[in-house]
Protein backbone atom coordinates (compact mmCIF):
# COMPACT_ATOMS: atom_id res chain seq x y z
CA UNK A 1 199.77 181.35 96.52
CA UNK A 2 199.25 179.28 99.82
CA UNK A 3 202.19 176.75 100.34
CA UNK A 4 201.68 173.21 99.91
CA UNK A 5 201.15 170.76 103.15
CA UNK A 6 202.76 167.80 101.43
CA UNK A 7 205.63 168.53 98.78
CA UNK A 8 206.75 165.41 96.58
CA UNK A 9 209.13 166.39 93.83
CA UNK A 10 211.40 164.29 91.71
CA UNK A 11 210.88 161.20 93.74
CA UNK A 12 212.19 157.72 92.54
CA UNK A 13 212.29 154.14 93.56
CA UNK A 14 213.57 151.33 92.34
CA UNK A 15 213.50 147.57 93.37
CA UNK A 16 215.86 145.03 92.11
CA UNK A 17 216.17 147.27 88.99
CA UNK A 18 212.31 147.53 88.90
CA UNK A 19 211.25 151.33 88.39
CA UNK A 20 208.17 151.45 91.05
CA UNK A 21 208.42 155.32 91.33
CA UNK A 22 210.05 157.44 88.41
CA UNK A 23 210.57 161.40 89.08
CA UNK A 24 206.71 161.76 90.51
CA UNK A 25 205.84 165.22 91.61
CA UNK A 26 202.84 165.48 93.76
CA UNK A 27 201.57 168.70 96.15
CA UNK A 28 198.70 168.31 98.79
CA UNK A 29 197.09 171.19 100.26
CA UNK A 30 195.66 171.85 103.93
CA UNK A 31 192.32 170.53 103.98
CA UNK A 32 192.30 168.94 100.26
CA UNK A 33 190.81 165.50 99.75
CA UNK A 34 193.03 164.10 96.68
CA UNK A 35 192.25 160.70 95.03
CA UNK A 36 195.05 158.63 93.30
CA UNK A 37 193.99 155.78 90.87
CA UNK A 38 195.67 153.73 88.71
CA UNK A 39 196.35 149.88 87.41
CA UNK A 40 197.91 147.23 89.52
CA UNK A 41 201.66 148.18 89.38
CA UNK A 42 201.17 151.88 88.81
CA UNK A 43 203.07 152.63 92.25
CA UNK A 44 200.29 153.34 94.63
CA UNK A 45 201.70 151.48 97.49
CA UNK A 46 205.22 152.38 97.07
CA UNK A 47 204.14 155.89 96.95
CA UNK A 48 202.62 155.36 100.32
CA UNK A 49 205.39 153.73 101.84
CA UNK A 50 207.43 156.56 100.86
CA UNK A 51 205.31 159.22 102.49
CA UNK A 52 205.31 157.10 105.52
CA UNK A 53 208.88 156.51 106.05
CA UNK A 54 208.56 152.36 105.23
CA UNK A 55 210.77 153.14 102.61
CA UNK A 56 213.26 155.65 101.47
CA UNK A 57 213.35 157.40 97.99
CA UNK A 58 216.68 156.82 95.87
CA UNK A 59 216.39 160.55 95.11
CA UNK A 60 213.92 163.34 95.39
CA UNK A 61 212.51 165.12 98.09
CA UNK A 62 209.43 164.61 100.40
CA UNK A 63 208.71 167.56 102.88
CA UNK A 64 205.86 168.27 105.15
CA UNK A 65 204.62 171.71 106.45
CA UNK A 66 202.92 174.57 105.03
CA UNK A 67 205.99 176.98 105.51
CA UNK A 68 208.68 176.61 103.04
CA UNK A 69 211.30 177.86 105.80
CA UNK A 70 210.07 175.42 108.24
CA UNK A 71 209.15 172.08 106.91
CA UNK A 72 210.13 168.60 107.90
CA UNK A 73 212.27 166.46 105.36
CA UNK A 74 210.68 162.88 105.53
CA UNK A 75 213.25 161.43 103.82
CA UNK A 76 215.26 161.65 106.61
CA UNK A 77 212.66 160.40 109.37
CA UNK A 78 211.92 156.73 110.26
CA UNK A 79 208.00 155.30 110.60
CA UNK A 80 207.39 156.55 114.00
CA UNK A 81 208.67 159.96 113.67
CA UNK A 82 206.43 160.64 110.59
CA UNK A 83 203.59 159.27 112.60
CA UNK A 84 204.23 161.62 115.01
CA UNK A 85 204.44 164.64 112.95
CA UNK A 86 200.72 164.11 112.22
CA UNK A 87 200.56 161.13 109.18
CA UNK A 88 198.43 158.39 109.49
CA UNK A 89 198.06 155.77 107.33
CA UNK A 90 195.28 153.26 107.06
CA UNK A 91 195.95 149.79 105.25
CA UNK A 92 193.23 148.01 103.13
CA UNK A 93 192.70 145.28 105.75
CA UNK A 94 191.14 146.84 108.99
CA UNK A 95 193.33 146.60 111.95
CA UNK A 96 191.31 146.91 115.07
CA UNK A 97 191.68 145.44 119.02
CA UNK A 98 189.04 142.29 118.64
CA UNK A 99 188.72 141.52 121.86
CA UNK A 100 188.47 145.37 123.18
CA UNK A 101 185.30 147.16 122.57
CA UNK A 102 184.61 149.66 119.91
CA UNK A 103 184.64 152.57 122.58
CA UNK A 104 187.91 151.00 124.42
CA UNK A 105 189.77 150.79 120.43
CA UNK A 106 189.11 154.30 120.26
CA UNK A 107 190.34 155.44 124.14
CA UNK A 108 193.56 153.28 123.02
CA UNK A 109 194.01 155.50 119.94
CA UNK A 110 193.60 159.07 121.78
CA UNK A 111 196.49 161.23 121.33
CA UNK A 112 199.20 161.47 124.04
CA UNK A 113 201.55 159.42 125.85
CA UNK A 114 199.92 156.23 127.61
CA UNK A 115 200.02 152.85 128.24
CA UNK A 116 197.40 150.50 127.59
CA UNK A 117 196.74 149.88 131.44
CA UNK A 118 196.45 153.49 131.87
CA UNK A 119 194.20 153.96 128.55
CA UNK A 120 191.76 151.51 129.86
CA UNK A 121 191.25 151.64 133.58
CA UNK A 122 192.22 155.54 134.59
CA UNK A 123 189.13 157.70 134.57
CA UNK A 124 189.32 159.77 131.35
CA UNK A 125 188.62 163.45 131.20
CA UNK A 126 185.34 165.09 130.58
CA UNK A 127 187.22 166.23 127.23
CA UNK A 128 188.28 162.72 126.28
CA UNK A 129 184.96 161.29 126.95
CA UNK A 130 183.27 163.97 124.65
CA UNK A 131 185.82 163.43 121.82
CA UNK A 132 185.10 159.72 122.11
CA UNK A 133 181.28 160.47 122.01
CA UNK A 134 181.86 162.81 118.74
CA UNK A 135 183.87 160.02 117.28
CA UNK A 136 181.33 157.18 117.81
CA UNK A 137 178.92 159.49 116.40
CA UNK A 138 180.87 160.66 113.21
CA UNK A 139 181.69 156.89 112.21
CA UNK A 140 177.96 155.90 113.18
CA UNK A 141 178.83 153.22 115.62
CA UNK A 142 177.36 155.20 118.56
CA UNK A 143 175.09 152.33 119.14
CA UNK A 144 177.82 149.74 119.28
CA UNK A 145 180.30 151.29 121.39
CA UNK A 146 179.93 148.45 123.86
CA UNK A 147 180.26 145.57 121.13
CA UNK A 148 183.33 143.62 120.91
CA UNK A 149 185.26 145.16 117.89
CA UNK A 150 185.73 141.50 116.35
CA UNK A 151 181.58 141.39 116.09
CA UNK A 152 181.47 144.26 113.68
CA UNK A 153 180.63 143.79 109.98
CA UNK A 154 183.89 144.34 107.49
CA UNK A 155 182.21 148.02 106.98
CA UNK A 156 181.86 148.88 110.32
CA UNK A 157 185.49 147.53 111.24
CA UNK A 158 186.70 150.12 108.10
CA UNK A 159 184.76 153.01 110.00
CA UNK A 160 186.20 152.02 113.22
CA UNK A 161 189.70 152.19 111.97
CA UNK A 162 189.20 155.61 110.52
CA UNK A 163 188.19 156.62 113.89
CA UNK A 164 190.96 155.32 115.66
CA UNK A 165 193.12 157.35 113.10
CA UNK A 166 190.98 160.39 113.91
CA UNK A 167 191.74 159.78 117.84
CA UNK A 168 195.27 160.50 117.46
CA UNK A 169 194.42 164.04 115.70
CA UNK A 170 196.44 163.52 112.48
CA UNK A 171 197.01 166.49 109.89
CA UNK A 172 197.34 163.95 106.96
CA UNK A 173 195.31 160.54 106.47
CA UNK A 174 196.54 158.21 103.85
CA UNK A 175 193.53 155.79 103.05
CA UNK A 176 194.26 152.67 101.20
CA UNK A 177 191.15 151.07 99.20
CA UNK A 178 188.83 151.70 101.97
CA UNK A 179 185.78 150.39 99.79
CA UNK A 180 187.24 146.95 98.88
CA UNK A 181 185.08 144.24 100.07
CA UNK A 182 182.20 146.54 101.20
CA UNK A 183 178.51 146.35 100.42
CA UNK A 184 177.10 149.50 97.99
CA UNK A 185 175.38 150.94 101.09
CA UNK A 186 178.67 150.71 102.99
CA UNK A 187 180.84 151.78 100.14
CA UNK A 188 178.46 155.04 99.80
CA UNK A 189 178.78 155.67 103.83
CA UNK A 190 182.32 155.58 103.73
CA UNK A 191 182.13 158.25 100.97
CA UNK A 192 180.19 160.33 102.89
CA UNK A 193 182.38 159.85 106.06
CA UNK A 194 185.49 160.63 104.16
CA UNK A 195 183.94 163.86 102.46
CA UNK A 196 182.94 165.09 105.97
CA UNK A 197 186.43 165.00 107.22
CA UNK A 198 187.86 167.35 103.83
CA UNK A 199 188.71 170.59 105.11
CA UNK A 200 189.56 169.52 108.92
CA UNK A 201 191.88 167.09 107.59
CA UNK A 202 194.15 166.50 104.46
CA UNK A 203 193.41 163.18 102.85
CA UNK A 204 194.84 161.17 100.16
CA UNK A 205 192.73 158.14 99.12
CA UNK A 206 193.90 155.21 97.06
CA UNK A 207 190.68 153.46 95.34
CA UNK A 208 190.11 151.32 92.40
CA UNK A 209 186.17 151.57 92.63
CA UNK A 210 185.29 154.20 89.98
CA UNK A 211 181.78 154.86 91.44
CA UNK A 212 183.40 155.51 94.49
CA UNK A 213 186.15 157.78 93.40
CA UNK A 214 183.23 159.73 91.50
CA UNK A 215 181.76 160.36 94.89
CA UNK A 216 184.47 161.37 96.98
CA UNK A 217 186.22 163.46 93.92
CA UNK A 218 183.51 165.57 93.30
CA UNK A 219 185.06 168.54 94.74
CA UNK A 220 188.45 167.78 94.44
CA UNK A 221 191.18 166.39 92.12
CA UNK A 222 192.03 162.70 91.05
CA UNK A 223 195.81 161.89 90.26
CA UNK A 224 196.45 158.90 88.03
CA UNK A 225 199.64 157.14 88.13
CA UNK A 226 200.98 154.77 85.63
CA UNK A 227 204.08 152.63 85.91
CA UNK A 228 205.37 154.66 88.71
CA UNK A 229 204.94 158.18 86.89
CA UNK A 230 202.07 160.85 86.93
CA UNK A 231 199.85 160.03 83.80
CA UNK A 232 197.61 163.01 84.47
CA UNK A 233 195.36 164.81 86.89
CA UNK A 234 192.27 166.90 87.08
CA UNK A 235 188.85 166.92 87.81
CA UNK A 236 187.14 163.28 87.70
CA UNK A 237 185.27 163.78 84.63
CA UNK A 238 188.31 165.19 82.92
CA UNK A 239 190.57 162.25 83.99
CA UNK A 240 187.97 159.58 83.14
CA UNK A 241 187.60 161.20 79.63
CA UNK A 242 191.56 161.40 78.84
CA UNK A 243 192.15 158.40 76.16
CA UNK A 244 195.10 157.64 78.29
CA UNK A 245 193.35 156.99 81.36
CA UNK A 246 190.60 154.83 79.00
CA UNK A 247 193.69 152.85 77.84
CA UNK A 248 195.71 152.09 80.42
CA UNK A 249 193.41 152.09 83.62
CA UNK A 250 189.77 151.97 82.29
CA UNK A 251 191.01 149.09 79.81
CA UNK A 252 189.44 150.69 76.88
CA UNK A 253 191.64 151.75 74.10
CA UNK A 254 190.42 153.47 70.80
CA UNK A 255 189.38 150.42 69.36
CA UNK A 256 186.62 149.63 72.33
CA UNK A 257 186.89 147.43 75.34
CA UNK A 258 189.70 144.91 75.65
């Protein structure tokens, strides 16, 4: 059996007596697109914080790498070191360089040591130019490459930021509520984008929009968190039908909607 790319075992995190995460186990495999759902306070943001080194667990292990004898202990690394290993995080609110063009945003995000001046004013190699063109097409912004990023619609900024993460060639993308604030059309196109990345990248997507979750989880697993613990895990239809999920997340108990 393949070794997980990301191994999380028995992690716990407490803030001032509040148990945000308790004895959580989680395994992500190479090329997998995993969706994580749960009500507010379920521990989703803390989970991402632990994976990226923004905070450290009180106990437990987090390892990154597909070889058991050659993996990285993420609990000993800081945010920058974890990012350099290939774990990239997209927050809910898009963060782009609003005064630079869409294309320049992607150039600034290309993998490799480069400063802002060299990124913007030195000639790119043909390989780098091809990579930018490929990303513009992937995020469907090839017609707006010269636009200032600040002029893009909300959904387009989200796609641009995903493109910026991809420019750095990460192995794992952590995507936090990408459909928030989007129109139905933007939401669907975002789902198509994320599905197109599965297999080439490994993704963990936190989301509340259940229609969107159904779209992107059609071939993968859904993990449900509740009060910092793993409530259940499985295919979308299995999770949606689970009475525990209906009670704590979807808000429907055995007596109907509450």
